[in-house]
Amino acid sequence: MRFCVLGSGSKGNCTYVESQGRAILIDAGFSGIEIQRRLDRIAVDISTIKALLVTHEHGDHISGVGVLSRKFHLPVFINNHTLAASGKTLAKLHAVNEFQTGTSFKFPPFNIHPFAISHDTADPVGFTISDNNSLLGYCTDTGMISKLIMHHLANCNALVLECNHDLEMLRNGHYPPALQQRIRSRNGHLSNPDTIKFLDDVLNPGLRHVVLAHISESNNCPEIIQTEVDVFLRTRSANSTPDISLAHQDRPGTLIEL
């Protein structure tokens, strides 16, 4: 299995996952042209994309779903509540494959499990994706790590995990109090300490790669995250820690092979 976060943040989110020559996208929050440009940058032909998965209905996750589905005849896997909440944005799709949150489904070569997360949307989900050799966990846009999330992500070989805000930057920034409260809430986004604590809880010898995603451009910065990650890694044995990288808003990250 290979994967790449093509971009992540409040201006757009999209992640590429491939195995055995077939690929899917998790969310498509950029324009179709921009997603194709980013795939080109990692030397991936868009014709390998065979389906789209949707986590929730916010525009930075679905704005490009419709055009990609129609142009490339891609089925969209989405739950009913998210589809309804998406309104006109996803009114015209090539094909809709509805899933039930908490019920696994197959899209060969992938086994996909959508699990409930905590965000201020209709029925938001994260995913675990397996090709029977490797297990990738994807969880952004959640205000908390529940026991359910912990259960599903505990044995992954790779994680794409939210690391949204620095608490001090959020507190002292330009966001109004109501928006700050929404971000800090159980239905908002994970702070840097939340993410580091979660990594500590799920650390296991099989976890080889972690990509920290959905990093706020207003309330976080890579230097702060990197410092906290370095402190975390120094307390762990070097041969039992994963490679940890940061996703970018303006460009794709590294194409990672498991």
C-alpha atoms as a PDB file:
ATOM      1  CA  MET A   1       0.000   0.000   0.000  1.00  0.00           C
ATOM      2  CA  ARG A   2       1.085   3.553  -0.771  1.00  0.00           C
ATOM      3  CA  PHE A   3      -0.463   6.798   0.395  1.00  0.00           C
ATOM      4  CA  CYS A   4       0.098  10.533   0.167  1.00  0.00           C
ATOM      5  CA  VAL A   5      -1.639  13.496   1.770  1.00  0.00           C
ATOM      6  CA  LEU A   6      -2.094  15.703  -1.289  1.00  0.00           C
ATOM      7  CA  GLY A   7      -2.999  18.658   0.910  1.00  0.00           C
ATOM      8  CA  SER A   8      -4.582  19.278   4.283  1.00  0.00           C
ATOM      9  CA  GLY A   9      -5.967  22.275   6.147  1.00  0.00           C
ATOM     10  CA  SER A  10      -8.924  24.644   6.218  1.00  0.00           C
ATOM     11  CA  LYS A  11      -8.502  25.467   2.501  1.00  0.00           C
ATOM     12  CA  GLY A  12      -8.731  21.885   1.268  1.00  0.00           C
ATOM     13  CA  ASN A  13      -8.127  18.221   2.121  1.00  0.00           C
ATOM     14  CA  CYS A  14      -7.384  15.206  -0.063  1.00  0.00           C
ATOM     15  CA  THR A  15      -5.444  11.973   0.505  1.00  0.00           C
ATOM     16  CA  TYR A  16      -4.380   9.380  -2.073  1.00  0.00           C
ATOM     17  CA  VAL A  17      -4.309   5.660  -1.192  1.00  0.00           C
ATOM     18  CA  GLU A  18      -3.170   2.963  -3.632  1.00  0.00           C
ATOM     19  CA  SER A  19      -2.617  -0.778  -3.680  1.00  0.00           C
ATOM     20  CA  GLN A  20      -2.217  -3.306  -6.491  1.00  0.00           C
ATOM     21  CA  GLY A  21      -2.538  -0.599  -9.133  1.00  0.00           C
ATOM     22  CA  ARG A  22      -5.921   0.711  -7.929  1.00  0.00           C
ATOM     23  CA  ALA A  23      -6.350   3.904  -5.953  1.00  0.00           C
ATOM     24  CA  ILE A  24      -8.942   5.856  -3.997  1.00  0.00           C
ATOM     25  CA  LEU A  25      -9.109   9.402  -2.676  1.00  0.00           C
ATOM     26  CA  ILE A  26     -10.216  10.240   0.847  1.00  0.00           C
ATOM     27  CA  ASP A  27     -12.082  13.545   0.436  1.00  0.00           C
ATOM     28  CA  ALA A  28     -11.572  16.003  -2.404  1.00  0.00           C
ATOM     29  CA  GLY A  29     -11.587  19.516  -1.006  1.00  0.00           C
ATOM     30  CA  PHE A  30      -9.654  21.128  -3.866  1.00  0.00           C
ATOM     31  CA  SER A  31     -10.767  21.761  -7.430  1.00  0.00           C
ATOM     32  CA  GLY A  32     -10.497  18.875  -9.838  1.00  0.00           C
ATOM     33  CA  ILE A  33      -7.728  20.663 -11.732  1.00  0.00           C
ATOM     34  CA  GLU A  34      -5.748  21.246  -8.538  1.00  0.00           C
ATOM     35  CA  ILE A  35      -6.075  17.622  -7.441  1.00  0.00           C
ATOM     36  CA  GLN A  36      -4.888  16.460 -10.851  1.00  0.00           C
ATOM     37  CA  ARG A  37      -1.945  18.883 -10.627  1.00  0.00           C
ATOM     38  CA  ARG A  38      -0.967  17.509  -7.220  1.00  0.00           C
ATOM     39  CA  LEU A  39      -1.221  13.924  -8.434  1.00  0.00           C
ATOM     40  CA  ASP A  40       1.078  14.864 -11.305  1.00  0.00           C
ATOM     41  CA  ARG A  41       3.599  16.185  -8.778  1.00  0.00           C
ATOM     42  CA  ILE A  42       3.852  12.730  -7.184  1.00  0.00           C
ATOM     43  CA  ALA A  43       3.935  11.010 -10.605  1.00  0.00           C
ATOM     44  CA  VAL A  44       0.478   9.448 -10.288  1.00  0.00           C
ATOM     45  CA  ASP A  45      -1.897   9.212 -13.243  1.00  0.00           C
ATOM     46  CA  ILE A  46      -5.402  10.237 -12.245  1.00  0.00           C
ATOM     47  CA  SER A  47      -6.742   7.263 -14.238  1.00  0.00           C
ATOM     48  CA  THR A  48      -5.636   5.016 -11.351  1.00  0.00           C
ATOM     49  CA  ILE A  49      -8.270   6.639  -9.103  1.00  0.00           C
ATOM     50  CA  LYS A  50     -11.295   4.346  -8.966  1.00  0.00           C
ATOM     51  CA  ALA A  51     -13.431   5.796  -6.138  1.00  0.00           C
ATOM     52  CA  LEU A  52     -13.851   8.646  -3.671  1.00  0.00           C
ATOM     53  CA  LEU A  53     -14.467   8.337   0.073  1.00  0.00           C
ATOM     54  CA  VAL A  54     -16.098  11.212   1.982  1.00  0.00           C
ATOM     55  CA  THR A  55     -15.576  11.876   5.687  1.00  0.00           C
ATOM     56  CA  HIS A  56     -18.042  14.757   6.180  1.00  0.00           C
ATOM     57  CA  GLU A  57     -19.778  17.588   4.374  1.00  0.00           C
ATOM     58  CA  HIS A  58     -17.605  20.643   5.061  1.00  0.00           C
ATOM     59  CA  GLY A  59     -16.503  22.391   1.881  1.00  0.00           C
ATOM     60  CA  ASP A  60     -12.795  21.892   2.487  1.00  0.00           C
ATOM     61  CA  HIS A  61     -13.473  18.158   2.158  1.00  0.00           C
ATOM     62  CA  ILE A  62     -16.054  17.933  -0.655  1.00  0.00           C
ATOM     63  CA  SER A  63     -15.709  20.911  -3.013  1.00  0.00           C
ATOM     64  CA  GLY A  64     -14.052  18.824  -5.740  1.00  0.00           C
ATOM     65  CA  VAL A  65     -15.947  15.569  -5.233  1.00  0.00           C
ATOM     66  CA  GLY A  66     -18.719  16.267  -7.735  1.00  0.00           C
ATOM     67  CA  VAL A  67     -16.545  17.295 -10.658  1.00  0.00           C
ATOM     68  CA  LEU A  68     -14.126  14.386 -10.171  1.00  0.00           C
ATOM     69  CA  SER A  69     -16.975  11.899  -9.877  1.00  0.00           C
ATOM     70  CA  ARG A  70     -18.633  13.130 -13.050  1.00  0.00           C
ATOM     71  CA  LYS A  71     -15.513  13.696 -15.162  1.00  0.00           C
ATOM     72  CA  PHE A  72     -13.813  10.392 -14.334  1.00  0.00           C
ATOM     73  CA  HIS A  73     -16.939   8.287 -13.682  1.00  0.00           C
ATOM     74  CA  LEU A  74     -16.017   7.607 -10.066  1.00  0.00           C
ATOM     75  CA  PRO A  75     -18.373   6.152  -7.447  1.00  0.00           C
ATOM     76  CA  VAL A  76     -18.607   8.145  -4.227  1.00  0.00           C
ATOM     77  CA  PHE A  77     -18.733   6.259  -0.922  1.00  0.00           C
ATOM     78  CA  ILE A  78     -20.595   8.351   1.625  1.00  0.00           C
ATOM     79  CA  ASN A  79     -23.093   7.856   4.439  1.00  0.00           C
ATOM     80  CA  ASN A  80     -26.694   8.993   4.047  1.00  0.00           C
ATOM     81  CA  HIS A  81     -26.609  11.816   6.610  1.00  0.00           C
ATOM     82  CA  THR A  82     -23.484  13.349   5.088  1.00  0.00           C
ATOM     83  CA  LEU A  83     -24.936  13.115   1.586  1.00  0.00           C
ATOM     84  CA  ALA A  84     -28.134  14.847   2.702  1.00  0.00           C
ATOM     85  CA  ALA A  85     -26.213  17.566   4.521  1.00  0.00           C
ATOM     86  CA  SER A  86     -24.024  18.203   1.465  1.00  0.00           C
ATOM     87  CA  GLY A  87     -27.016  19.575  -0.432  1.00  0.00           C
ATOM     88  CA  LYS A  88     -26.420  20.870  -3.952  1.00  0.00           C
ATOM     89  CA  THR A  89     -22.655  20.391  -3.732  1.00  0.00           C
ATOM     90  CA  LEU A  90     -23.067  16.631  -4.130  1.00  0.00           C
ATOM     91  CA  ALA A  91     -26.437  16.614  -5.873  1.00  0.00           C
ATOM     92  CA  LYS A  92     -25.029  15.307  -9.160  1.00  0.00           C
ATOM     93  CA  LEU A  93     -22.618  12.406  -8.838  1.00  0.00           C
ATOM     94  CA  HIS A  94     -21.691   9.655 -11.272  1.00  0.00           C
ATOM     95  CA  ALA A  95     -22.671   7.010  -8.715  1.00  0.00           C
ATOM     96  CA  VAL A  96     -23.415   6.962  -4.990  1.00  0.00           C
ATOM     97  CA  ASN A  97     -22.488   3.999  -2.794  1.00  0.00           C
ATOM     98  CA  GLU A  98     -23.934   4.629   0.637  1.00  0.00           C
ATOM     99  CA  PHE A  99     -22.278   3.045   3.653  1.00  0.00           C
ATOM    100  CA  GLN A 100     -23.375   2.777   7.247  1.00  0.00           C
ATOM    101  CA  THR A 101     -21.083   4.287   9.845  1.00  0.00           C
ATOM    102  CA  GLY A 102     -19.607   1.407  11.826  1.00  0.00           C
ATOM    103  CA  THR A 103     -20.122  -1.187   9.069  1.00  0.00           C
ATOM    104  CA  SER A 104     -17.169  -2.338   6.977  1.00  0.00           C
ATOM    105  CA  PHE A 105     -17.349  -2.590   3.207  1.00  0.00           C
ATOM    106  CA  LYS A 106     -15.102  -3.794   0.396  1.00  0.00           C
ATOM    107  CA  PHE A 107     -13.773  -1.985  -2.625  1.00  0.00           C
ATOM    108  CA  PRO A 108     -11.125  -4.384  -3.922  1.00  0.00           C
ATOM    109  CA  PRO A 109      -8.327  -4.543  -3.061  1.00  0.00           C
ATOM    110  CA  PHE A 110      -9.388  -2.507  -0.034  1.00  0.00           C
ATOM    111  CA  ASN A 111     -11.308  -3.426   3.091  1.00  0.00           C
ATOM    112  CA  ILE A 112     -12.669  -0.164   4.497  1.00  0.00           C
ATOM    113  CA  HIS A 113     -14.160   0.532   7.893  1.00  0.00           C
ATOM    114  CA  PRO A 114     -15.846   3.901   8.564  1.00  0.00           C
ATOM    115  CA  PHE A 115     -15.952   4.756  12.273  1.00  0.00           C
ATOM    116  CA  ALA A 116     -17.635   7.620  14.112  1.00  0.00           C
ATOM    117  CA  ILE A 117     -15.617  10.674  15.097  1.00  0.00           C
ATOM    118  CA  SER A 118     -16.598  13.858  16.965  1.00  0.00           C
ATOM    119  CA  HIS A 119     -17.144  16.922  14.775  1.00  0.00           C
ATOM    120  CA  ASP A 120     -19.913  19.480  14.247  1.00  0.00           C
ATOM    121  CA  THR A 121     -21.339  17.815  11.147  1.00  0.00           C
ATOM    122  CA  ALA A 122     -24.149  15.379  10.368  1.00  0.00           C
ATOM    123  CA  ASP A 123     -22.362  12.022  10.648  1.00  0.00           C
ATOM    124  CA  PRO A 124     -18.572  12.479  10.419  1.00  0.00           C
ATOM    125  CA  VAL A 125     -16.295   9.474  10.043  1.00  0.00           C
ATOM    126  CA  GLY A 126     -12.693   8.395  10.000  1.00  0.00           C
ATOM    127  CA  PHE A 127     -11.510   5.327   8.094  1.00  0.00           C
ATOM    128  CA  THR A 128      -9.282   2.339   8.474  1.00  0.00           C
ATOM    129  CA  ILE A 129      -8.178   0.954   5.112  1.00  0.00           C
ATOM    130  CA  SER A 130      -6.559  -2.452   4.688  1.00  0.00           C
ATOM    131  CA  ASP A 131      -5.258  -4.314   1.654  1.00  0.00           C
ATOM    132  CA  ASN A 132      -4.708  -7.461   3.759  1.00  0.00           C
ATOM    133  CA  ASN A 133      -1.026  -6.571   4.096  1.00  0.00           C
ATOM    134  CA  SER A 134      -1.050  -3.118   5.676  1.00  0.00           C
ATOM    135  CA  LEU A 135      -3.508  -1.039   7.701  1.00  0.00           C
ATOM    136  CA  LEU A 136      -3.858   2.723   7.284  1.00  0.00           C
ATOM    137  CA  GLY A 137      -5.851   4.824   9.743  1.00  0.00           C
ATOM    138  CA  TYR A 138      -7.300   8.203   8.758  1.00  0.00           C
ATOM    139  CA  CYS A 139      -8.743  10.537  11.391  1.00  0.00           C
ATOM    140  CA  THR A 140      -8.977  14.305  11.038  1.00  0.00           C
ATOM    141  CA  ASP A 141     -11.640  16.835  12.072  1.00  0.00           C
ATOM    142  CA  THR A 142     -12.393  15.396  15.480  1.00  0.00           C
ATOM    143  CA  GLY A 143     -12.521  17.299  18.730  1.00  0.00           C
ATOM    144  CA  MET A 144     -11.637  14.296  20.865  1.00  0.00           C
ATOM    145  CA  ILE A 145     -10.142  10.828  20.765  1.00  0.00           C
ATOM    146  CA  SER A 146     -12.865   8.477  21.968  1.00  0.00           C
ATOM    147  CA  LYS A 147     -12.411   4.880  23.069  1.00  0.00           C
ATOM    148  CA  LEU A 148     -13.934   3.883  19.731  1.00  0.00           C
ATOM    149  CA  ILE A 149     -11.365   5.875  17.777  1.00  0.00           C
ATOM    150  CA  MET A 150      -8.593   4.463  19.936  1.00  0.00           C
ATOM    151  CA  HIS A 151      -9.848   0.938  19.296  1.00  0.00           C
ATOM    152  CA  HIS A 152      -9.823   1.321  15.518  1.00  0.00           C
ATOM    153  CA  LEU A 153      -6.473   3.097  15.263  1.00  0.00           C
ATOM    154  CA  ALA A 154      -4.538   1.118  17.872  1.00  0.00           C
ATOM    155  CA  ASN A 155      -2.961  -1.395  15.482  1.00  0.00           C
ATOM    156  CA  CYS A 156      -2.366   0.637  12.334  1.00  0.00           C
ATOM    157  CA  ASN A 157       0.862   0.557  10.351  1.00  0.00           C
ATOM    158  CA  ALA A 158       0.350   4.200   9.347  1.00  0.00           C
ATOM    159  CA  LEU A 159      -1.818   7.081  10.539  1.00  0.00           C
ATOM    160  CA  VAL A 160      -3.028  10.347   9.085  1.00  0.00           C
ATOM    161  CA  LEU A 161      -4.000  12.233  12.216  1.00  0.00           C
ATOM    162  CA  GLU A 162      -5.184  15.738  12.931  1.00  0.00           C
ATOM    163  CA  CYS A 163      -2.841  18.140  14.714  1.00  0.00           C
ATOM    164  CA  ASN A 164      -4.837  21.329  14.329  1.00  0.00           C
ATOM    165  CA  HIS A 165      -3.907  24.035  16.816  1.00  0.00           C
ATOM    166  CA  ASP A 166      -1.518  25.287  19.442  1.00  0.00           C
ATOM    167  CA  LEU A 167      -3.567  26.252  22.487  1.00  0.00           C
ATOM    168  CA  GLU A 168      -1.605  29.437  23.187  1.00  0.00           C
ATOM    169  CA  MET A 169      -1.746  30.628  19.589  1.00  0.00           C
ATOM    170  CA  LEU A 170      -5.485  29.999  19.471  1.00  0.00           C
ATOM    171  CA  ARG A 171      -6.050  31.828  22.756  1.00  0.00           C
ATOM    172  CA  ASN A 172      -4.008  34.872  21.706  1.00  0.00           C
ATOM    173  CA  GLY A 173      -5.015  34.942  18.051  1.00  0.00           C
ATOM    174  CA  HIS A 174      -7.579  36.915  16.095  1.00  0.00           C
ATOM    175  CA  TYR A 175     -10.405  34.363  16.205  1.00  0.00           C
ATOM    176  CA  PRO A 176     -13.489  35.576  18.144  1.00  0.00           C
ATOM    177  CA  PRO A 177     -14.256  33.774  21.429  1.00  0.00           C
ATOM    178  CA  ALA A 178     -17.162  31.785  19.971  1.00  0.00           C
ATOM    179  CA  LEU A 179     -14.992  30.358  17.181  1.00  0.00           C
ATOM    180  CA  GLN A 180     -12.183  29.591  19.620  1.00  0.00           C
ATOM    181  CA  GLN A 181     -14.650  27.685  21.772  1.00  0.00           C
ATOM    182  CA  ARG A 182     -15.944  25.757  18.775  1.00  0.00           C
ATOM    183  CA  ILE A 183     -12.403  24.705  17.820  1.00  0.00           C
ATOM    184  CA  ARG A 184     -11.532  23.638  21.383  1.00  0.00           C
ATOM    185  CA  SER A 185     -14.803  21.774  21.915  1.00  0.00           C
ATOM    186  CA  ARG A 186     -15.397  18.030  21.735  1.00  0.00           C
ATOM    187  CA  ASN A 187     -16.907  18.637  18.291  1.00  0.00           C
ATOM    188  CA  GLY A 188     -14.036  20.773  17.040  1.00  0.00           C
ATOM    189  CA  HIS A 189     -10.400  19.925  16.359  1.00  0.00           C
ATOM    190  CA  LEU A 190      -7.480  18.277  18.134  1.00  0.00           C
ATOM    191  CA  SER A 191      -4.810  20.433  19.742  1.00  0.00           C
ATOM    192  CA  ASN A 192      -1.115  19.577  19.560  1.00  0.00           C
ATOM    193  CA  PRO A 193      -1.098  18.102  23.110  1.00  0.00           C
ATOM    194  CA  ASP A 194      -4.182  16.011  22.277  1.00  0.00           C
ATOM    195  CA  THR A 195      -2.393  14.539  19.283  1.00  0.00           C
ATOM    196  CA  ILE A 196       0.866  13.851  21.101  1.00  0.00           C
ATOM    197  CA  LYS A 197      -1.014  12.111  23.916  1.00  0.00           C
ATOM    198  CA  PHE A 198      -2.874   9.977  21.392  1.00  0.00           C
ATOM    199  CA  LEU A 199       0.384   8.991  19.700  1.00  0.00           C
ATOM    200  CA  ASP A 200       1.770   7.985  23.066  1.00  0.00           C
ATOM    201  CA  ASP A 201      -1.280   5.803  23.678  1.00  0.00           C
ATOM    202  CA  VAL A 202      -1.197   4.007  20.298  1.00  0.00           C
ATOM    203  CA  LEU A 203       2.559   3.646  19.883  1.00  0.00           C
ATOM    204  CA  ASN A 204       3.395   0.082  18.900  1.00  0.00           C
ATOM    205  CA  PRO A 205       6.184  -1.658  16.936  1.00  0.00           C
ATOM    206  CA  GLY A 206       3.964  -1.996  13.870  1.00  0.00           C
ATOM    207  CA  LEU A 207       3.295   1.755  13.552  1.00  0.00           C
ATOM    208  CA  ARG A 208       5.821   2.911  10.963  1.00  0.00           C
ATOM    209  CA  HIS A 209       4.521   6.229   9.616  1.00  0.00           C
ATOM    210  CA  VAL A 210       2.464   9.106  11.016  1.00  0.00           C
ATOM    211  CA  VAL A 211       1.405  12.150   9.022  1.00  0.00           C
ATOM    212  CA  LEU A 212       0.127  15.056  11.111  1.00  0.00           C
ATOM    213  CA  ALA A 213      -2.579  16.834   9.139  1.00  0.00           C
ATOM    214  CA  HIS A 214      -5.184  19.634   9.137  1.00  0.00           C
ATOM    215  CA  ILE A 215      -2.634  22.013  10.665  1.00  0.00           C
ATOM    216  CA  SER A 216      -4.151  25.472  11.171  1.00  0.00           C
ATOM    217  CA  GLU A 217      -2.372  28.250   9.298  1.00  0.00           C
ATOM    218  CA  SER A 218      -3.688  30.801  11.835  1.00  0.00           C
ATOM    219  CA  ASN A 219      -3.370  28.925  15.119  1.00  0.00           C
ATOM    220  CA  ASN A 220      -0.398  26.626  14.656  1.00  0.00           C
ATOM    221  CA  CYS A 221       2.986  26.486  12.998  1.00  0.00           C
ATOM    222  CA  PRO A 222       5.264  23.644  11.896  1.00  0.00           C
ATOM    223  CA  GLU A 223       8.089  24.750  14.200  1.00  0.00           C
ATOM    224  CA  ILE A 224       5.914  24.423  17.298  1.00  0.00           C
ATOM    225  CA  ILE A 225       4.652  20.992  16.238  1.00  0.00           C
ATOM    226  CA  GLN A 226       8.144  19.786  15.354  1.00  0.00           C
ATOM    227  CA  THR A 227       9.449  20.848  18.770  1.00  0.00           C
ATOM    228  CA  GLU A 228       6.681  18.915  20.531  1.00  0.00           C
ATOM    229  CA  VAL A 229       7.263  15.881  18.309  1.00  0.00           C
ATOM    230  CA  ASP A 230      11.009  15.984  19.003  1.00  0.00           C
ATOM    231  CA  VAL A 231      10.394  16.067  22.758  1.00  0.00           C
ATOM    232  CA  PHE A 232       8.022  13.115  22.404  1.00  0.00           C
ATOM    233  CA  LEU A 233      10.485  11.083  20.342  1.00  0.00           C
ATOM    234  CA  ARG A 234      13.402  11.720  22.703  1.00  0.00           C
ATOM    235  CA  THR A 235      11.531   9.885  25.452  1.00  0.00           C
ATOM    236  CA  ARG A 236      11.058   6.789  23.281  1.00  0.00           C
ATOM    237  CA  SER A 237      13.417   4.120  22.023  1.00  0.00           C
ATOM    238  CA  ALA A 238      14.663   5.041  18.556  1.00  0.00           C
ATOM    239  CA  ASN A 239      13.895   1.602  17.124  1.00  0.00           C
ATOM    240  CA  SER A 240      10.271   1.667  18.320  1.00  0.00           C
ATOM    241  CA  THR A 241       9.163   5.059  16.998  1.00  0.00           C
ATOM    242  CA  PRO A 242       7.475   5.824  13.672  1.00  0.00           C
ATOM    243  CA  ASP A 243       8.565   8.330  11.068  1.00  0.00           C
ATOM    244  CA  ILE A 244       6.503  11.453  11.758  1.00  0.00           C
ATOM    245  CA  SER A 245       5.965  14.071   9.050  1.00  0.00           C
ATOM    246  CA  LEU A 246       3.759  17.124   8.633  1.00  0.00           C
ATOM    247  CA  ALA A 247       1.173  17.565   5.879  1.00  0.00           C
ATOM    248  CA  HIS A 248       1.069  20.822   3.926  1.00  0.00           C
ATOM    249  CA  GLN A 249      -1.812  22.979   2.761  1.00  0.00           C
ATOM    250  CA  ASP A 250      -0.157  24.213  -0.418  1.00  0.00           C
ATOM    251  CA  ARG A 251       1.516  21.078  -1.786  1.00  0.00           C
ATOM    252  CA  PRO A 252       1.478  17.289  -1.581  1.00  0.00           C
ATOM    253  CA  GLY A 253       3.616  15.471   0.935  1.00  0.00           C
ATOM    254  CA  THR A 254       5.794  12.432   0.375  1.00  0.00           C
ATOM    255  CA  LEU A 255       4.365   9.338  -1.300  1.00  0.00           C
ATOM    256  CA  ILE A 256       4.797   6.799   1.510  1.00  0.00           C
ATOM    257  CA  GLU A 257       5.025   3.055   0.879  1.00  0.00           C
ATOM    258  CA  LEU A 258       4.107   0.551   3.579  1.00  0.00           C
END
